Amino acid sequence: MIKLEINDDQKGKVMDVVKSAISAEVRRMEIGLKKTNAQIEKLEKKYNTSSGIFLRDFRAEDLKDGDREYVQWTGELKIRERIMDELNKLKDIEYVAH
């Protein structure tokens, strides 16, 4: 758990601004996650395989568009992992105001 502690002498106004900013970032990241998942799903359908099998068994030569598609697929998977990690951290924040 992440605890965000703010000493706020403005009766919660600063905390409200911080919560609002973090909430907006969460929404932005969720939109990005949807786009990333859509790209991953498109590749999984195209090759009729899961991303797990792709990572384990595929090489660039196995894909129709070679290196470009391989880099795209692995890149989207890394982006998804990073977004999910950051989203989980933001959603796990406990707000404490003084």
N, C-alpha and C. Protein backbone atom coordinates (compact mmCIF):
# COMPACT_ATOMS: atom_id res chain seq x y z
N MET A 1 0.84 -1.18 0.00
CA MET A 1 0.00 0.00 0.00
C MET A 1 0.89 1.24 0.00
N ILE A 2 0.41 2.24 -0.69
CA ILE A 2 1.10 3.52 -0.76
C ILE A 2 0.28 4.52 0.05
N LYS A 3 0.94 5.21 0.95
CA LYS A 3 0.24 6.20 1.76
C LYS A 3 0.73 7.58 1.32
N LEU A 4 -0.20 8.41 0.87
CA LEU A 4 0.10 9.77 0.47
C LEU A 4 -0.39 10.70 1.57
N GLU A 5 0.54 11.30 2.26
CA GLU A 5 0.21 12.16 3.39
C GLU A 5 0.45 13.61 2.99
N ILE A 6 -0.58 14.43 3.18
CA ILE A 6 -0.49 15.84 2.82
C ILE A 6 -0.87 16.69 4.02
N ASN A 7 -0.01 17.61 4.34
CA ASN A 7 -0.33 18.60 5.37
C ASN A 7 -1.02 19.74 4.66
N ASP A 8 -2.31 19.84 4.87
CA ASP A 8 -3.16 20.76 4.12
C ASP A 8 -3.77 21.79 5.07
N ASP A 9 -3.32 23.01 4.98
CA ASP A 9 -3.87 24.06 5.82
C ASP A 9 -5.01 24.81 5.12
N GLN A 10 -5.48 24.24 4.01
CA GLN A 10 -6.57 24.88 3.26
C GLN A 10 -7.85 24.04 3.29
N LYS A 11 -8.07 23.37 4.40
CA LYS A 11 -9.30 22.60 4.65
C LYS A 11 -9.61 21.58 3.56
N GLY A 12 -8.61 20.83 3.17
CA GLY A 12 -8.83 19.74 2.22
C GLY A 12 -8.77 20.12 0.76
N LYS A 13 -8.59 21.39 0.45
CA LYS A 13 -8.58 21.82 -0.95
C LYS A 13 -7.40 21.23 -1.72
N VAL A 14 -6.24 21.18 -1.09
CA VAL A 14 -5.06 20.63 -1.75
C VAL A 14 -5.26 19.13 -1.98
N MET A 15 -5.79 18.44 -0.99
CA MET A 15 -6.05 17.00 -1.14
C MET A 15 -7.02 16.75 -2.29
N ASP A 16 -8.06 17.58 -2.42
CA ASP A 16 -9.01 17.43 -3.51
C ASP A 16 -8.33 17.59 -4.87
N VAL A 17 -7.43 18.55 -4.97
CA VAL A 17 -6.71 18.78 -6.23
C VAL A 17 -5.83 17.57 -6.55
N VAL A 18 -5.14 17.05 -5.56
CA VAL A 18 -4.26 15.89 -5.76
C VAL A 18 -5.08 14.67 -6.17
N LYS A 19 -6.18 14.42 -5.48
CA LYS A 19 -7.05 13.28 -5.83
C LYS A 19 -7.59 13.41 -7.24
N SER A 20 -7.99 14.62 -7.59
CA SER A 20 -8.53 14.86 -8.93
C SER A 20 -7.47 14.62 -10.01
N ALA A 21 -6.26 15.08 -9.76
CA ALA A 21 -5.17 14.89 -10.72
C ALA A 21 -4.83 13.41 -10.89
N ILE A 22 -4.78 12.69 -9.79
CA ILE A 22 -4.47 11.26 -9.85
C ILE A 22 -5.61 10.52 -10.53
N SER A 23 -6.83 10.90 -10.25
CA SER A 23 -7.99 10.27 -10.88
C SER A 23 -7.97 10.50 -12.40
N ALA A 24 -7.62 11.69 -12.82
CA ALA A 24 -7.53 12.00 -14.26
C ALA A 24 -6.42 11.16 -14.91
N GLU A 25 -5.32 10.99 -14.21
CA GLU A 25 -4.21 10.16 -14.74
C GLU A 25 -4.64 8.71 -14.84
N VAL A 26 -5.38 8.22 -13.88
CA VAL A 26 -5.89 6.85 -13.93
C VAL A 26 -6.78 6.68 -15.15
N ARG A 27 -7.69 7.63 -15.39
CA ARG A 27 -8.58 7.54 -16.56
C ARG A 27 -7.77 7.55 -17.86
N ARG A 28 -6.75 8.41 -17.93
CA ARG A 28 -5.93 8.50 -19.13
C ARG A 28 -5.19 7.18 -19.37
N MET A 29 -4.68 6.60 -18.30
CA MET A 29 -3.95 5.34 -18.42
C MET A 29 -4.89 4.19 -18.80
N GLU A 30 -6.11 4.22 -18.30
CA GLU A 30 -7.08 3.18 -18.65
C GLU A 30 -7.43 3.25 -20.14
N ILE A 31 -7.51 4.45 -20.68
CA ILE A 31 -7.75 4.61 -22.13
C ILE A 31 -6.57 4.03 -22.90
N GLY A 32 -5.37 4.34 -22.47
CA GLY A 32 -4.18 3.79 -23.12
C GLY A 32 -4.13 2.27 -23.03
N LEU A 33 -4.54 1.74 -21.89
CA LEU A 33 -4.56 0.29 -21.70
C LEU A 33 -5.56 -0.37 -22.66
N LYS A 34 -6.71 0.26 -22.86
CA LYS A 34 -7.70 -0.28 -23.80
C LYS A 34 -7.12 -0.33 -25.21
N LYS A 35 -6.44 0.74 -25.62
CA LYS A 35 -5.84 0.78 -26.95
C LYS A 35 -4.75 -0.28 -27.10
N THR A 36 -3.94 -0.42 -26.07
CA THR A 36 -2.87 -1.43 -26.10
C THR A 36 -3.46 -2.84 -26.17
N ASN A 37 -4.48 -3.10 -25.36
CA ASN A 37 -5.13 -4.41 -25.38
C ASN A 37 -5.75 -4.71 -26.74
N ALA A 38 -6.31 -3.69 -27.38
CA ALA A 38 -6.92 -3.88 -28.70
C ALA A 38 -5.85 -4.28 -29.72
N GLN A 39 -4.68 -3.65 -29.65
CA GLN A 39 -3.59 -4.00 -30.57
C GLN A 39 -3.11 -5.43 -30.32
N ILE A 40 -2.99 -5.79 -29.06
CA ILE A 40 -2.55 -7.14 -28.72
C ILE A 40 -3.58 -8.16 -29.21
N GLU A 41 -4.86 -7.90 -28.97
CA GLU A 41 -5.91 -8.81 -29.41
C GLU A 41 -5.93 -8.98 -30.92
N LYS A 42 -5.68 -7.89 -31.64
CA LYS A 42 -5.64 -7.96 -33.10
C LYS A 42 -4.54 -8.92 -33.57
N LEU A 43 -3.38 -8.84 -32.96
CA LEU A 43 -2.27 -9.73 -33.32
C LEU A 43 -2.55 -11.17 -32.89
N GLU A 44 -3.15 -11.34 -31.72
CA GLU A 44 -3.49 -12.69 -31.27
C GLU A 44 -4.49 -13.35 -32.22
N LYS A 45 -5.46 -12.58 -32.70
CA LYS A 45 -6.45 -13.13 -33.64
C LYS A 45 -5.80 -13.42 -34.99
N LYS A 46 -4.96 -12.51 -35.44
CA LYS A 46 -4.30 -12.68 -36.74
C LYS A 46 -3.51 -13.98 -36.77
N TYR A 47 -2.81 -14.30 -35.68
CA TYR A 47 -1.98 -15.49 -35.63
C TYR A 47 -2.61 -16.63 -34.84
N ASN A 48 -3.84 -16.43 -34.40
CA ASN A 48 -4.60 -17.45 -33.69
C ASN A 48 -3.77 -18.07 -32.55
N THR A 49 -3.17 -17.20 -31.75
CA THR A 49 -2.36 -17.66 -30.63
C THR A 49 -2.37 -16.63 -29.51
N SER A 50 -2.07 -17.08 -28.32
CA SER A 50 -2.01 -16.15 -27.18
C SER A 50 -0.66 -15.44 -27.17
N SER A 51 -0.61 -14.35 -26.46
CA SER A 51 0.65 -13.61 -26.32
C SER A 51 1.68 -14.43 -25.56
N GLY A 52 1.23 -15.25 -24.61
CA GLY A 52 2.15 -16.11 -23.87
C GLY A 52 2.87 -17.09 -24.79
N ILE A 53 2.12 -17.70 -25.70
CA ILE A 53 2.73 -18.63 -26.66
C ILE A 53 3.62 -17.86 -27.63
N PHE A 54 3.16 -16.69 -28.04
CA PHE A 54 3.98 -15.85 -28.92
C PHE A 54 5.35 -15.58 -28.29
N LEU A 55 5.36 -15.14 -27.04
CA LEU A 55 6.62 -14.81 -26.37
C LEU A 55 7.51 -16.04 -26.22
N ARG A 56 6.91 -17.17 -25.99
CA ARG A 56 7.68 -18.39 -25.75
C ARG A 56 8.20 -19.02 -27.04
N ASP A 57 7.38 -19.02 -28.10
CA ASP A 57 7.68 -19.85 -29.26
C ASP A 57 8.00 -19.11 -30.56
N PHE A 58 7.61 -17.85 -30.67
CA PHE A 58 7.72 -17.18 -31.96
C PHE A 58 9.03 -16.41 -32.09
N ARG A 59 9.44 -16.28 -33.36
CA ARG A 59 10.57 -15.42 -33.74
C ARG A 59 10.05 -14.50 -34.84
N ALA A 60 10.80 -13.47 -35.13
CA ALA A 60 10.38 -12.51 -36.15
C ALA A 60 10.08 -13.19 -37.48
N GLU A 61 10.88 -14.20 -37.82
CA GLU A 61 10.66 -14.89 -39.10
C GLU A 61 9.33 -15.64 -39.17
N ASP A 62 8.72 -15.88 -38.02
CA ASP A 62 7.44 -16.60 -37.99
C ASP A 62 6.25 -15.69 -38.32
N LEU A 63 6.47 -14.40 -38.35
CA LEU A 63 5.38 -13.46 -38.55
C LEU A 63 5.38 -12.94 -39.99
N LYS A 64 4.17 -12.67 -40.48
CA LYS A 64 4.00 -12.21 -41.85
C LYS A 64 4.81 -10.95 -42.14
N ASP A 65 4.78 -10.00 -41.21
CA ASP A 65 5.50 -8.74 -41.40
C ASP A 65 6.83 -8.71 -40.67
N GLY A 66 7.34 -9.86 -40.30
CA GLY A 66 8.68 -10.00 -39.74
C GLY A 66 9.00 -9.14 -38.54
N ASP A 67 10.15 -8.48 -38.61
CA ASP A 67 10.66 -7.69 -37.49
C ASP A 67 9.68 -6.62 -37.02
N ARG A 68 9.06 -5.93 -37.97
CA ARG A 68 8.15 -4.84 -37.60
C ARG A 68 7.03 -5.34 -36.70
N GLU A 69 6.42 -6.44 -37.07
CA GLU A 69 5.31 -6.97 -36.29
C GLU A 69 5.79 -7.58 -34.98
N TYR A 70 6.94 -8.22 -35.00
CA TYR A 70 7.50 -8.79 -33.77
C TYR A 70 7.78 -7.70 -32.75
N VAL A 71 8.41 -6.61 -33.21
CA VAL A 71 8.71 -5.49 -32.32
C VAL A 71 7.42 -4.85 -31.82
N GLN A 72 6.44 -4.73 -32.70
CA GLN A 72 5.16 -4.14 -32.29
C GLN A 72 4.51 -4.98 -31.20
N TRP A 73 4.42 -6.28 -31.41
CA TRP A 73 3.74 -7.16 -30.45
C TRP A 73 4.47 -7.16 -29.10
N THR A 74 5.78 -7.36 -29.13
CA THR A 74 6.51 -7.36 -27.86
C THR A 74 6.45 -5.99 -27.19
N GLY A 75 6.48 -4.93 -27.99
CA GLY A 75 6.38 -3.58 -27.44
C GLY A 75 5.04 -3.33 -26.76
N GLU A 76 3.97 -3.76 -27.41
CA GLU A 76 2.63 -3.59 -26.82
C GLU A 76 2.52 -4.37 -25.51
N LEU A 77 3.11 -5.54 -25.46
CA LEU A 77 3.07 -6.33 -24.22
C LEU A 77 3.83 -5.64 -23.10
N LYS A 78 4.97 -5.04 -23.42
CA LYS A 78 5.74 -4.32 -22.41
C LYS A 78 5.01 -3.06 -21.97
N ILE A 79 4.38 -2.37 -22.90
CA ILE A 79 3.60 -1.18 -22.56
C ILE A 79 2.46 -1.56 -21.62
N ARG A 80 1.76 -2.66 -21.96
CA ARG A 80 0.64 -3.10 -21.11
C ARG A 80 1.13 -3.41 -19.70
N GLU A 81 2.25 -4.08 -19.59
CA GLU A 81 2.79 -4.43 -18.28
C GLU A 81 3.12 -3.17 -17.47
N ARG A 82 3.73 -2.19 -18.12
CA ARG A 82 4.10 -0.94 -17.44
C ARG A 82 2.85 -0.17 -17.01
N ILE A 83 1.87 -0.07 -17.90
CA ILE A 83 0.63 0.65 -17.58
C ILE A 83 -0.07 -0.03 -16.41
N MET A 84 -0.17 -1.34 -16.44
CA MET A 84 -0.87 -2.05 -15.37
C MET A 84 -0.16 -1.88 -14.04
N ASP A 85 1.17 -1.90 -14.06
CA ASP A 85 1.94 -1.70 -12.84
C ASP A 85 1.68 -0.30 -12.26
N GLU A 86 1.74 0.71 -13.12
CA GLU A 86 1.52 2.08 -12.66
C GLU A 86 0.08 2.29 -12.21
N LEU A 87 -0.87 1.71 -12.93
CA LEU A 87 -2.28 1.83 -12.54
C LEU A 87 -2.52 1.22 -11.16
N ASN A 88 -1.96 0.05 -10.95
CA ASN A 88 -2.13 -0.60 -9.65
C ASN A 88 -1.56 0.26 -8.53
N LYS A 89 -0.43 0.89 -8.75
CA LYS A 89 0.15 1.76 -7.74
C LYS A 89 -0.75 2.96 -7.47
N LEU A 90 -1.26 3.58 -8.52
CA LEU A 90 -2.13 4.75 -8.33
C LEU A 90 -3.43 4.38 -7.64
N LYS A 91 -3.99 3.25 -8.00
CA LYS A 91 -5.25 2.82 -7.40
C LYS A 91 -5.09 2.35 -5.96
N ASP A 92 -3.86 2.06 -5.56
CA ASP A 92 -3.59 1.56 -4.21
C ASP A 92 -3.25 2.69 -3.22
N ILE A 93 -3.28 3.91 -3.69
CA ILE A 93 -2.92 5.03 -2.82
C ILE A 93 -3.96 5.24 -1.72
N GLU A 94 -3.48 5.38 -0.52
CA GLU A 94 -4.33 5.76 0.61
C GLU A 94 -4.02 7.23 0.91
N TYR A 95 -5.06 8.03 0.92
CA TYR A 95 -4.90 9.47 1.15
C TYR A 95 -5.07 9.80 2.62
N VAL A 96 -4.12 10.56 3.15
CA VAL A 96 -4.17 10.98 4.55
C VAL A 96 -3.89 12.48 4.58
N ALA A 97 -4.83 13.24 5.09
CA ALA A 97 -4.63 14.70 5.19
C ALA A 97 -4.54 15.11 6.66
N HIS A 98 -3.72 16.10 6.87
CA HIS A 98 -3.56 16.64 8.23
C HIS A 98 -3.89 18.13 8.22
